[in-house]
Amino acid sequence: MPDEANGLEPYIIFELAGTAYAVASREIKQIEMVESITPMPNAPPSIAGVIFSRGQVIPALDLRVRFGFEAAPLRLRSRLIVVEREGRTVGMLVDSARDFVKIPAAAIQPPSEAISGLSGKYLEGIATVDGRIILILSVAEAINFAEISLPAPRGA
């Protein structure tokens, strides 16, 4: 939860293709190490496959592919950031996730109009923390079910 008195909110910092991104920790269910991903036939390109985590099969959305970067092999530092969106659990595959930081609301600026097109739609804002630029991810846009072509949950 945000630290109301100080205007601070905790974020998890993750790396993707050499760039630092952040997700508000309130949006994250868990972060998992990734040993293997089971590929799924006829899956959209951005869906790397599924993993079994805490008794649940979770689709793994490869954020590299989703953002137009080349897919990378799994490494020891690869992580799956598990979130819930529209009542569905989805994992976002990232290169690493290791930092936890509180970012003051005043340090977050909206994306400039120059990047507000396709690239900027995945961003809620841009922050500078300790001289480092951090892109604040919009989970709602990154996991847009219509765009990534995930089927509707059973019984829906």
N, C-alpha and C. Protein backbone atom coordinates (compact mmCIF):
# COMPACT_ATOMS: atom_id res chain seq x y z
N MET A 1 0.84 -1.18 0.00
CA MET A 1 0.00 0.00 0.00
C MET A 1 0.89 1.24 0.00
N PRO A 2 0.39 2.32 -0.58
CA PRO A 2 1.19 3.54 -0.59
C PRO A 2 1.42 4.05 0.83
N ASP A 3 2.57 4.64 1.04
CA ASP A 3 2.89 5.29 2.30
C ASP A 3 2.32 6.70 2.20
N GLU A 4 1.05 6.84 2.61
CA GLU A 4 0.30 8.07 2.42
C GLU A 4 1.03 9.29 2.99
N ALA A 5 1.61 9.15 4.16
CA ALA A 5 2.25 10.29 4.81
C ALA A 5 3.41 10.84 3.99
N ASN A 6 4.13 9.96 3.32
CA ASN A 6 5.31 10.39 2.56
C ASN A 6 5.09 10.40 1.06
N GLY A 7 3.91 9.98 0.59
CA GLY A 7 3.65 9.93 -0.84
C GLY A 7 4.49 8.88 -1.55
N LEU A 8 4.86 7.81 -0.83
CA LEU A 8 5.71 6.76 -1.39
C LEU A 8 4.87 5.52 -1.67
N GLU A 9 5.19 4.83 -2.74
CA GLU A 9 4.55 3.55 -3.02
C GLU A 9 5.65 2.53 -3.35
N PRO A 10 5.54 1.31 -2.80
CA PRO A 10 6.56 0.30 -3.10
C PRO A 10 6.38 -0.28 -4.50
N TYR A 11 7.50 -0.48 -5.17
CA TYR A 11 7.54 -1.04 -6.51
C TYR A 11 8.56 -2.17 -6.57
N ILE A 12 8.32 -3.11 -7.44
CA ILE A 12 9.31 -4.13 -7.77
C ILE A 12 9.95 -3.70 -9.09
N ILE A 13 11.27 -3.62 -9.10
CA ILE A 13 11.99 -3.24 -10.31
C ILE A 13 12.40 -4.51 -11.03
N PHE A 14 12.15 -4.55 -12.34
CA PHE A 14 12.59 -5.70 -13.14
C PHE A 14 13.29 -5.19 -14.38
N GLU A 15 14.09 -6.06 -14.97
CA GLU A 15 14.82 -5.70 -16.18
C GLU A 15 14.30 -6.49 -17.35
N LEU A 16 14.30 -5.82 -18.48
CA LEU A 16 13.84 -6.41 -19.72
C LEU A 16 14.63 -5.77 -20.84
N ALA A 17 15.39 -6.56 -21.57
CA ALA A 17 16.18 -6.07 -22.70
C ALA A 17 17.05 -4.87 -22.31
N GLY A 18 17.66 -4.94 -21.11
CA GLY A 18 18.58 -3.90 -20.66
C GLY A 18 17.94 -2.65 -20.11
N THR A 19 16.62 -2.63 -19.95
CA THR A 19 15.91 -1.46 -19.45
C THR A 19 15.24 -1.81 -18.13
N ALA A 20 15.23 -0.83 -17.21
CA ALA A 20 14.59 -1.02 -15.91
C ALA A 20 13.12 -0.60 -15.98
N TYR A 21 12.25 -1.49 -15.51
CA TYR A 21 10.81 -1.24 -15.43
C TYR A 21 10.40 -1.43 -13.98
N ALA A 22 9.21 -0.93 -13.64
CA ALA A 22 8.69 -1.12 -12.30
C ALA A 22 7.20 -1.46 -12.36
N VAL A 23 6.78 -2.28 -11.40
CA VAL A 23 5.37 -2.60 -11.21
C VAL A 23 5.07 -2.35 -9.74
N ALA A 24 3.94 -1.68 -9.49
CA ALA A 24 3.54 -1.44 -8.10
C ALA A 24 3.39 -2.79 -7.41
N SER A 25 3.98 -2.92 -6.25
CA SER A 25 3.96 -4.22 -5.55
C SER A 25 2.54 -4.66 -5.22
N ARG A 26 1.60 -3.74 -5.09
CA ARG A 26 0.20 -4.09 -4.80
C ARG A 26 -0.43 -4.89 -5.94
N GLU A 27 0.15 -4.80 -7.14
CA GLU A 27 -0.40 -5.52 -8.30
C GLU A 27 0.17 -6.93 -8.44
N ILE A 28 1.18 -7.27 -7.64
CA ILE A 28 1.89 -8.53 -7.80
C ILE A 28 1.42 -9.56 -6.77
N LYS A 29 1.08 -10.75 -7.26
CA LYS A 29 0.70 -11.84 -6.36
C LYS A 29 1.94 -12.54 -5.82
N GLN A 30 2.89 -12.82 -6.72
CA GLN A 30 4.13 -13.50 -6.35
C GLN A 30 5.14 -13.35 -7.48
N ILE A 31 6.38 -13.65 -7.15
CA ILE A 31 7.45 -13.67 -8.15
C ILE A 31 8.07 -15.06 -8.08
N GLU A 32 8.20 -15.71 -9.23
CA GLU A 32 8.68 -17.09 -9.28
C GLU A 32 9.98 -17.19 -10.08
N MET A 33 10.85 -18.08 -9.65
CA MET A 33 11.98 -18.48 -10.49
C MET A 33 11.39 -19.34 -11.61
N VAL A 34 12.03 -19.33 -12.76
CA VAL A 34 11.50 -20.07 -13.90
C VAL A 34 12.54 -21.09 -14.34
N GLU A 35 12.22 -22.36 -14.14
CA GLU A 35 13.13 -23.42 -14.57
C GLU A 35 12.79 -23.90 -15.96
N SER A 36 11.50 -24.01 -16.22
CA SER A 36 11.08 -24.44 -17.56
C SER A 36 9.67 -23.94 -17.82
N ILE A 37 9.37 -23.81 -19.10
CA ILE A 37 8.05 -23.40 -19.55
C ILE A 37 7.57 -24.45 -20.53
N THR A 38 6.35 -24.91 -20.37
CA THR A 38 5.77 -25.89 -21.29
C THR A 38 5.13 -25.15 -22.45
N PRO A 39 5.65 -25.34 -23.67
CA PRO A 39 5.05 -24.66 -24.82
C PRO A 39 3.64 -25.16 -25.08
N MET A 40 2.82 -24.29 -25.63
CA MET A 40 1.44 -24.63 -25.96
C MET A 40 1.25 -24.54 -27.47
N PRO A 41 0.59 -25.54 -28.07
CA PRO A 41 0.36 -25.48 -29.50
C PRO A 41 -0.57 -24.32 -29.87
N ASN A 42 -0.30 -23.70 -30.99
CA ASN A 42 -1.10 -22.61 -31.54
C ASN A 42 -1.24 -21.41 -30.61
N ALA A 43 -0.32 -21.24 -29.69
CA ALA A 43 -0.36 -20.09 -28.78
C ALA A 43 0.08 -18.83 -29.53
N PRO A 44 -0.44 -17.68 -29.14
CA PRO A 44 0.04 -16.42 -29.73
C PRO A 44 1.54 -16.28 -29.49
N PRO A 45 2.25 -15.56 -30.36
CA PRO A 45 3.71 -15.44 -30.21
C PRO A 45 4.18 -14.93 -28.86
N SER A 46 3.42 -14.05 -28.22
CA SER A 46 3.87 -13.50 -26.94
C SER A 46 3.63 -14.44 -25.76
N ILE A 47 2.93 -15.54 -25.97
CA ILE A 47 2.73 -16.52 -24.91
C ILE A 47 3.80 -17.60 -25.03
N ALA A 48 4.74 -17.58 -24.07
CA ALA A 48 5.86 -18.53 -24.12
C ALA A 48 5.40 -19.95 -23.81
N GLY A 49 4.28 -20.07 -23.10
CA GLY A 49 3.75 -21.37 -22.71
C GLY A 49 3.09 -21.25 -21.36
N VAL A 50 3.12 -22.34 -20.60
CA VAL A 50 2.52 -22.35 -19.27
C VAL A 50 3.51 -22.90 -18.26
N ILE A 51 3.30 -22.51 -17.00
CA ILE A 51 4.09 -23.09 -15.90
C ILE A 51 3.11 -23.55 -14.83
N PHE A 52 3.58 -24.46 -14.00
CA PHE A 52 2.79 -24.93 -12.87
C PHE A 52 3.34 -24.26 -11.63
N SER A 53 2.51 -23.47 -10.95
CA SER A 53 2.97 -22.72 -9.80
C SER A 53 1.91 -22.75 -8.71
N ARG A 54 2.29 -23.20 -7.54
CA ARG A 54 1.41 -23.20 -6.37
C ARG A 54 0.06 -23.83 -6.68
N GLY A 55 0.11 -24.97 -7.37
CA GLY A 55 -1.10 -25.73 -7.65
C GLY A 55 -1.94 -25.20 -8.80
N GLN A 56 -1.39 -24.28 -9.57
CA GLN A 56 -2.14 -23.64 -10.64
C GLN A 56 -1.31 -23.60 -11.92
N VAL A 57 -1.97 -23.83 -13.06
CA VAL A 57 -1.31 -23.69 -14.36
C VAL A 57 -1.49 -22.23 -14.79
N ILE A 58 -0.37 -21.56 -15.06
CA ILE A 58 -0.37 -20.13 -15.35
C ILE A 58 0.23 -19.87 -16.73
N PRO A 59 -0.46 -19.12 -17.60
CA PRO A 59 0.15 -18.74 -18.86
C PRO A 59 1.31 -17.78 -18.61
N ALA A 60 2.39 -17.96 -19.37
CA ALA A 60 3.58 -17.12 -19.23
C ALA A 60 3.67 -16.18 -20.43
N LEU A 61 3.41 -14.91 -20.19
CA LEU A 61 3.47 -13.88 -21.21
C LEU A 61 4.91 -13.38 -21.29
N ASP A 62 5.55 -13.58 -22.43
CA ASP A 62 6.93 -13.13 -22.62
C ASP A 62 6.91 -11.63 -22.92
N LEU A 63 7.27 -10.81 -21.94
CA LEU A 63 7.22 -9.36 -22.15
C LEU A 63 8.20 -8.90 -23.21
N ARG A 64 9.31 -9.63 -23.40
CA ARG A 64 10.23 -9.26 -24.48
C ARG A 64 9.49 -9.28 -25.82
N VAL A 65 8.81 -10.38 -26.09
CA VAL A 65 8.09 -10.53 -27.36
C VAL A 65 6.92 -9.54 -27.41
N ARG A 66 6.21 -9.39 -26.31
CA ARG A 66 5.07 -8.48 -26.24
C ARG A 66 5.48 -7.06 -26.60
N PHE A 67 6.69 -6.66 -26.19
CA PHE A 67 7.17 -5.30 -26.44
C PHE A 67 7.96 -5.18 -27.74
N GLY A 68 8.03 -6.26 -28.53
CA GLY A 68 8.69 -6.19 -29.83
C GLY A 68 10.17 -6.50 -29.82
N PHE A 69 10.69 -7.02 -28.70
CA PHE A 69 12.09 -7.42 -28.64
C PHE A 69 12.20 -8.89 -29.02
N GLU A 70 13.42 -9.33 -29.26
CA GLU A 70 13.66 -10.73 -29.56
C GLU A 70 13.55 -11.57 -28.29
N ALA A 71 12.95 -12.73 -28.41
CA ALA A 71 12.85 -13.65 -27.26
C ALA A 71 14.25 -14.04 -26.83
N ALA A 72 14.41 -14.33 -25.54
CA ALA A 72 15.71 -14.74 -25.00
C ALA A 72 15.54 -16.07 -24.29
N PRO A 73 16.58 -16.88 -24.26
CA PRO A 73 16.48 -18.14 -23.52
C PRO A 73 16.34 -17.88 -22.02
N LEU A 74 15.73 -18.83 -21.32
CA LEU A 74 15.63 -18.72 -19.87
C LEU A 74 17.02 -18.77 -19.25
N ARG A 75 17.21 -17.96 -18.23
CA ARG A 75 18.47 -17.93 -17.51
C ARG A 75 18.18 -18.08 -16.02
N LEU A 76 19.21 -18.23 -15.24
CA LEU A 76 19.08 -18.36 -13.80
C LEU A 76 18.36 -17.15 -13.19
N ARG A 77 18.56 -15.97 -13.77
CA ARG A 77 17.95 -14.74 -13.26
C ARG A 77 16.55 -14.48 -13.80
N SER A 78 16.09 -15.26 -14.79
CA SER A 78 14.75 -15.06 -15.34
C SER A 78 13.71 -15.23 -14.24
N ARG A 79 12.68 -14.40 -14.29
CA ARG A 79 11.62 -14.45 -13.29
C ARG A 79 10.25 -14.36 -13.97
N LEU A 80 9.26 -14.89 -13.27
CA LEU A 80 7.88 -14.77 -13.70
C LEU A 80 7.18 -13.93 -12.64
N ILE A 81 6.72 -12.75 -13.04
CA ILE A 81 5.98 -11.87 -12.14
C ILE A 81 4.51 -12.20 -12.32
N VAL A 82 3.92 -12.77 -11.29
CA VAL A 82 2.54 -13.26 -11.37
C VAL A 82 1.59 -12.18 -10.88
N VAL A 83 0.62 -11.86 -11.74
CA VAL A 83 -0.38 -10.84 -11.42
C VAL A 83 -1.77 -11.41 -11.70
N GLU A 84 -2.77 -10.72 -11.18
CA GLU A 84 -4.14 -11.09 -11.50
C GLU A 84 -4.76 -9.94 -12.26
N ARG A 85 -5.38 -10.26 -13.37
CA ARG A 85 -5.99 -9.24 -14.22
C ARG A 85 -7.34 -9.76 -14.67
N GLU A 86 -8.38 -9.00 -14.42
CA GLU A 86 -9.75 -9.36 -14.81
C GLU A 86 -10.11 -10.77 -14.31
N GLY A 87 -9.70 -11.07 -13.08
CA GLY A 87 -10.02 -12.35 -12.47
C GLY A 87 -9.20 -13.52 -12.97
N ARG A 88 -8.17 -13.26 -13.76
CA ARG A 88 -7.33 -14.32 -14.30
C ARG A 88 -5.88 -14.12 -13.86
N THR A 89 -5.23 -15.22 -13.54
CA THR A 89 -3.83 -15.17 -13.13
C THR A 89 -2.94 -15.36 -14.35
N VAL A 90 -1.97 -14.46 -14.50
CA VAL A 90 -1.06 -14.47 -15.64
C VAL A 90 0.34 -14.16 -15.12
N GLY A 91 1.34 -14.82 -15.70
CA GLY A 91 2.72 -14.53 -15.36
C GLY A 91 3.38 -13.73 -16.46
N MET A 92 4.16 -12.73 -16.07
CA MET A 92 4.92 -11.93 -17.03
C MET A 92 6.38 -12.36 -16.93
N LEU A 93 6.90 -12.93 -18.00
CA LEU A 93 8.28 -13.40 -18.04
C LEU A 93 9.21 -12.22 -18.28
N VAL A 94 10.18 -12.03 -17.36
CA VAL A 94 11.13 -10.92 -17.44
C VAL A 94 12.55 -11.46 -17.29
N ASP A 95 13.53 -10.63 -17.66
CA ASP A 95 14.93 -11.05 -17.60
C ASP A 95 15.41 -11.22 -16.16
N SER A 96 14.99 -10.32 -15.28
CA SER A 96 15.32 -10.42 -13.86
C SER A 96 14.39 -9.51 -13.08
N ALA A 97 14.21 -9.83 -11.83
CA ALA A 97 13.43 -8.99 -10.91
C ALA A 97 14.11 -9.11 -9.56
N ARG A 98 14.74 -8.04 -9.13
CA ARG A 98 15.55 -8.18 -7.93
C ARG A 98 15.45 -7.02 -6.96
N ASP A 99 14.98 -5.87 -7.42
CA ASP A 99 14.97 -4.70 -6.55
C ASP A 99 13.58 -4.38 -6.06
N PHE A 100 13.52 -3.86 -4.86
CA PHE A 100 12.30 -3.36 -4.25
C PHE A 100 12.62 -1.94 -3.85
N VAL A 101 11.81 -0.99 -4.29
CA VAL A 101 12.09 0.41 -4.00
C VAL A 101 10.78 1.16 -3.79
N LYS A 102 10.82 2.15 -2.92
CA LYS A 102 9.67 3.03 -2.75
C LYS A 102 9.93 4.27 -3.59
N ILE A 103 8.97 4.56 -4.47
CA ILE A 103 9.12 5.70 -5.39
C ILE A 103 8.12 6.78 -4.98
N PRO A 104 8.61 7.99 -4.76
CA PRO A 104 7.69 9.08 -4.44
C PRO A 104 6.81 9.41 -5.66
N ALA A 105 5.55 9.68 -5.42
CA ALA A 105 4.62 10.01 -6.50
C ALA A 105 5.15 11.19 -7.32
N ALA A 106 5.81 12.14 -6.66
CA ALA A 106 6.33 13.32 -7.35
C ALA A 106 7.47 12.99 -8.31
N ALA A 107 8.09 11.81 -8.14
CA ALA A 107 9.20 11.42 -9.02
C ALA A 107 8.70 10.77 -10.32
N ILE A 108 7.40 10.49 -10.40
CA ILE A 108 6.84 9.83 -11.58
C ILE A 108 6.18 10.86 -12.49
N GLN A 109 6.67 10.91 -13.71
CA GLN A 109 6.14 11.84 -14.71
C GLN A 109 5.38 11.04 -15.76
N PRO A 110 4.35 11.62 -16.36
CA PRO A 110 3.65 10.91 -17.43
C PRO A 110 4.58 10.75 -18.64
N PRO A 111 4.38 9.69 -19.45
CA PRO A 111 5.21 9.55 -20.65
C PRO A 111 5.01 10.75 -21.57
N SER A 112 6.08 11.20 -22.19
CA SER A 112 5.97 12.36 -23.08
C SER A 112 5.17 11.98 -24.32
N GLU A 113 4.66 12.98 -25.00
CA GLU A 113 3.87 12.74 -26.21
C GLU A 113 4.70 12.06 -27.28
N ALA A 114 6.02 12.25 -27.23
CA ALA A 114 6.90 11.65 -28.24
C ALA A 114 6.89 10.13 -28.18
N ILE A 115 6.60 9.55 -27.00
CA ILE A 115 6.57 8.09 -26.88
C ILE A 115 5.19 7.57 -26.55
N SER A 116 4.18 8.42 -26.65
CA SER A 116 2.85 8.00 -26.24
C SER A 116 2.14 7.09 -27.24
N GLY A 117 2.75 6.82 -28.38
CA GLY A 117 2.15 5.91 -29.36
C GLY A 117 2.24 4.48 -28.87
N LEU A 118 2.62 3.57 -29.75
CA LEU A 118 2.67 2.15 -29.44
C LEU A 118 3.59 1.85 -28.26
N SER A 119 4.77 2.45 -28.22
CA SER A 119 5.71 2.18 -27.13
C SER A 119 5.19 2.69 -25.80
N GLY A 120 4.65 3.88 -25.79
CA GLY A 120 4.22 4.50 -24.55
C GLY A 120 2.93 3.96 -23.98
N LYS A 121 2.17 3.22 -24.76
CA LYS A 121 0.88 2.75 -24.24
C LYS A 121 1.06 1.74 -23.10
N TYR A 122 2.21 1.12 -23.00
CA TYR A 122 2.47 0.16 -21.93
C TYR A 122 2.95 0.84 -20.66
N LEU A 123 3.09 2.16 -20.69
CA LEU A 123 3.68 2.88 -19.56
C LEU A 123 2.66 3.73 -18.83
N GLU A 124 2.73 3.70 -17.50
CA GLU A 124 1.95 4.62 -16.67
C GLU A 124 2.74 5.89 -16.41
N GLY A 125 4.05 5.76 -16.45
CA GLY A 125 4.89 6.92 -16.20
C GLY A 125 6.36 6.56 -16.28
N ILE A 126 7.18 7.58 -16.05
CA ILE A 126 8.63 7.41 -16.06
C ILE A 126 9.16 8.08 -14.81
N ALA A 127 10.00 7.35 -14.08
CA ALA A 127 10.57 7.88 -12.84
C ALA A 127 12.09 7.91 -12.93
N THR A 128 12.66 8.83 -12.20
CA THR A 128 14.11 8.86 -12.05
C THR A 128 14.39 8.62 -10.57
N VAL A 129 15.09 7.52 -10.29
CA VAL A 129 15.42 7.15 -8.92
C VAL A 129 16.92 6.93 -8.83
N ASP A 130 17.57 7.69 -7.98
CA ASP A 130 19.03 7.61 -7.81
C ASP A 130 19.75 7.70 -9.14
N GLY A 131 19.31 8.60 -10.01
CA GLY A 131 19.95 8.82 -11.29
C GLY A 131 19.64 7.78 -12.35
N ARG A 132 18.74 6.86 -12.04
CA ARG A 132 18.39 5.79 -12.97
C ARG A 132 16.97 6.00 -13.49
N ILE A 133 16.78 5.88 -14.80
CA ILE A 133 15.45 6.00 -15.39
C ILE A 133 14.73 4.67 -15.25
N ILE A 134 13.50 4.72 -14.72
CA ILE A 134 12.69 3.52 -14.54
C ILE A 134 11.35 3.75 -15.21
N LEU A 135 10.96 2.85 -16.09
CA LEU A 135 9.68 2.93 -16.78
C LEU A 135 8.63 2.21 -15.93
N ILE A 136 7.55 2.91 -15.58
CA ILE A 136 6.49 2.35 -14.75
C ILE A 136 5.50 1.64 -15.67
N LEU A 137 5.39 0.33 -15.51
CA LEU A 137 4.57 -0.49 -16.40
C LEU A 137 3.08 -0.37 -16.09
N SER A 138 2.28 -0.29 -17.13
CA SER A 138 0.84 -0.39 -17.00
C SER A 138 0.48 -1.86 -17.20
N VAL A 139 0.18 -2.55 -16.10
CA VAL A 139 -0.17 -3.96 -16.18
C VAL A 139 -1.42 -4.15 -17.04
N ALA A 140 -2.37 -3.22 -16.94
CA ALA A 140 -3.61 -3.32 -17.71
C ALA A 140 -3.33 -3.34 -19.21
N GLU A 141 -2.37 -2.55 -19.68
CA GLU A 141 -2.04 -2.53 -21.11
C GLU A 141 -1.14 -3.69 -21.51
N ALA A 142 -0.19 -4.04 -20.63
CA ALA A 142 0.72 -5.15 -20.96
C ALA A 142 -0.05 -6.45 -21.08
N ILE A 143 -1.06 -6.62 -20.22
CA ILE A 143 -1.88 -7.83 -20.25
C ILE A 143 -3.27 -7.45 -20.75
N ASN A 144 -3.32 -7.07 -22.00
CA ASN A 144 -4.59 -6.75 -22.65
C ASN A 144 -5.02 -8.03 -23.37
N PHE A 145 -5.99 -8.73 -22.80
CA PHE A 145 -6.36 -10.06 -23.30
C PHE A 145 -6.78 -10.05 -24.77
N ALA A 146 -7.42 -9.00 -25.22
CA ALA A 146 -7.84 -8.93 -26.62
C ALA A 146 -6.62 -8.88 -27.54
N GLU A 147 -5.58 -8.17 -27.13
CA GLU A 147 -4.39 -8.04 -27.97
C GLU A 147 -3.50 -9.28 -27.94
N ILE A 148 -3.42 -9.94 -26.79
CA ILE A 148 -2.53 -11.10 -26.73
C ILE A 148 -3.24 -12.39 -27.07
N SER A 149 -4.52 -12.30 -27.36
CA SER A 149 -5.33 -13.44 -27.84
C SER A 149 -5.38 -14.61 -26.88
N LEU A 150 -5.47 -14.33 -25.60
CA LEU A 150 -5.69 -15.42 -24.64
C LEU A 150 -7.18 -15.75 -24.66
N PRO A 151 -7.52 -17.01 -24.70
CA PRO A 151 -8.93 -17.36 -24.70
C PRO A 151 -9.60 -17.00 -23.38
N ALA A 152 -10.90 -16.82 -23.43
CA ALA A 152 -11.67 -16.50 -22.23
C ALA A 152 -11.61 -17.68 -21.27
N PRO A 153 -11.67 -17.43 -19.97
CA PRO A 153 -11.64 -18.54 -19.01
C PRO A 153 -12.88 -19.42 -19.19
N ARG A 154 -12.73 -20.68 -18.83
CA ARG A 154 -13.85 -21.63 -18.94
C ARG A 154 -15.00 -21.16 -18.07
N GLY A 155 -16.20 -21.32 -18.60
CA GLY A 155 -17.39 -20.95 -17.85
C GLY A 155 -17.72 -19.48 -17.97
N ALA A 156 -16.94 -18.73 -18.76
CA ALA A 156 -17.21 -17.28 -18.91
C ALA A 156 -18.10 -17.02 -20.09
